[in-house]
Amino acid sequence: MTPALAAALHLDDDLNPLIRDEFLRDVLNGLSQRQKTIPPKYFYDAAGSRLFDRICDLPEYYPTRTETKILRESAQDIAARAGWDVALIEFGSGSSTKVRILLDALRLPAAYVPIDICGPHLEDAAAALRRDYPQLAVTAIHADFTQEVQLPDSIRGKKRLGFFPGSTIGNFTPPEAEAFLSKAAKTLGAGADMLVGVDLKKHGAVLHAAYNDHAGVTAAFNLNLLTRINRELRGDFDLSAFRHRAVYNAAFGRIEMYLESLKPQIVHIAGDVFAFREGETIHTENSYKYTIESFHRLVKKTGWKIREVYVDREKLFSVHFLSR
């Protein structure tokens, strides 16, 4: 491999207009529903990505530190199962922090392919990995990983290990999670493996604290969605007229995040008009929690097989090694 190829870094900036058009369609459609809603993938502009990085360091937010501990303790076993010369593909890579644990453990990884919807955050993270792993081919793809993604020709013929950490699988409804795993199987191809981080069911008070932190970082993260709409879609949301609310819905086994209107008001977005009643909400995110058994029942419908499950001692979080 030549040094130029080893240090390759590719960002597809042509996707920006397409993502922006889809953003507008999704916002206008979502706010036209009886229960107003905006898909959570739009949290992650540059500011939202930075805020999420801060959330991951909060004392109340157990998923990041717990999953990180699991990965450190299990990295050698994961590497042995994955084998040599593997191309590592991360869906929703963010700051690409946890992947370093895998890169340090894998036997001569062939490449790293981070996929993320936030171009600037992706570029910064990929550039940092390029500096720290100069012999690793880094091909960053700016894309919505929930859609079909074309992987680079440079990893053709390589065995592939998908990586989907952070309990992001919980942002999907169970049918959506099935669809994503099925689509990821097609993207990665025959013979691939995949690691998936899954948050486990636990006491509602622990979950409530994790999504309603005392410092207000999660609230700022949620409200930043309105800032992004104002900036990119010609919106005029008054952020002081909305508040963050996160509740645990035990019947569905999920955290639900909302932005609640504090008064009757009118909002304009790209020429469209939306009325809000006092107390009316925009549903911005679900975070489903699973048992080991319920997640495995879901996986069996998607063409993957369970090879191993890694769980912390307190049984807060799990990492699942899947194979095709």
Foldseek 3Di string as FASTA:
>chain_A
DDLCQQLDEAEDPVCVVVVLVVQVVQQVVQLPDPQRAHEQLLLDEPVLLVLVVVLLPDPLAPQNVFVLVLCLVCLQVVQVVQDAQEEEEEAACRLVPSVVSNVVRHHHHAAYEYEGQHRVRQVVSSVVCCVVPSRHRYYYYNDNLLDQDADDPSCPPHAYEYEYEDLVLQQDQLVSSLSSLLSVDVRRDAWHKYKYKAFAQDDQVSVQCSQCPPVCSNFVSVLVSVVCQCVSFVKDDDSVQWTWDWGQDVVQQKIWIWIFGQAWDWMDTNRDIHTDHHGRIYTYTIGHHHDPVVVQVSVVSRPKDWDDKGADPVRRIIMTMITD
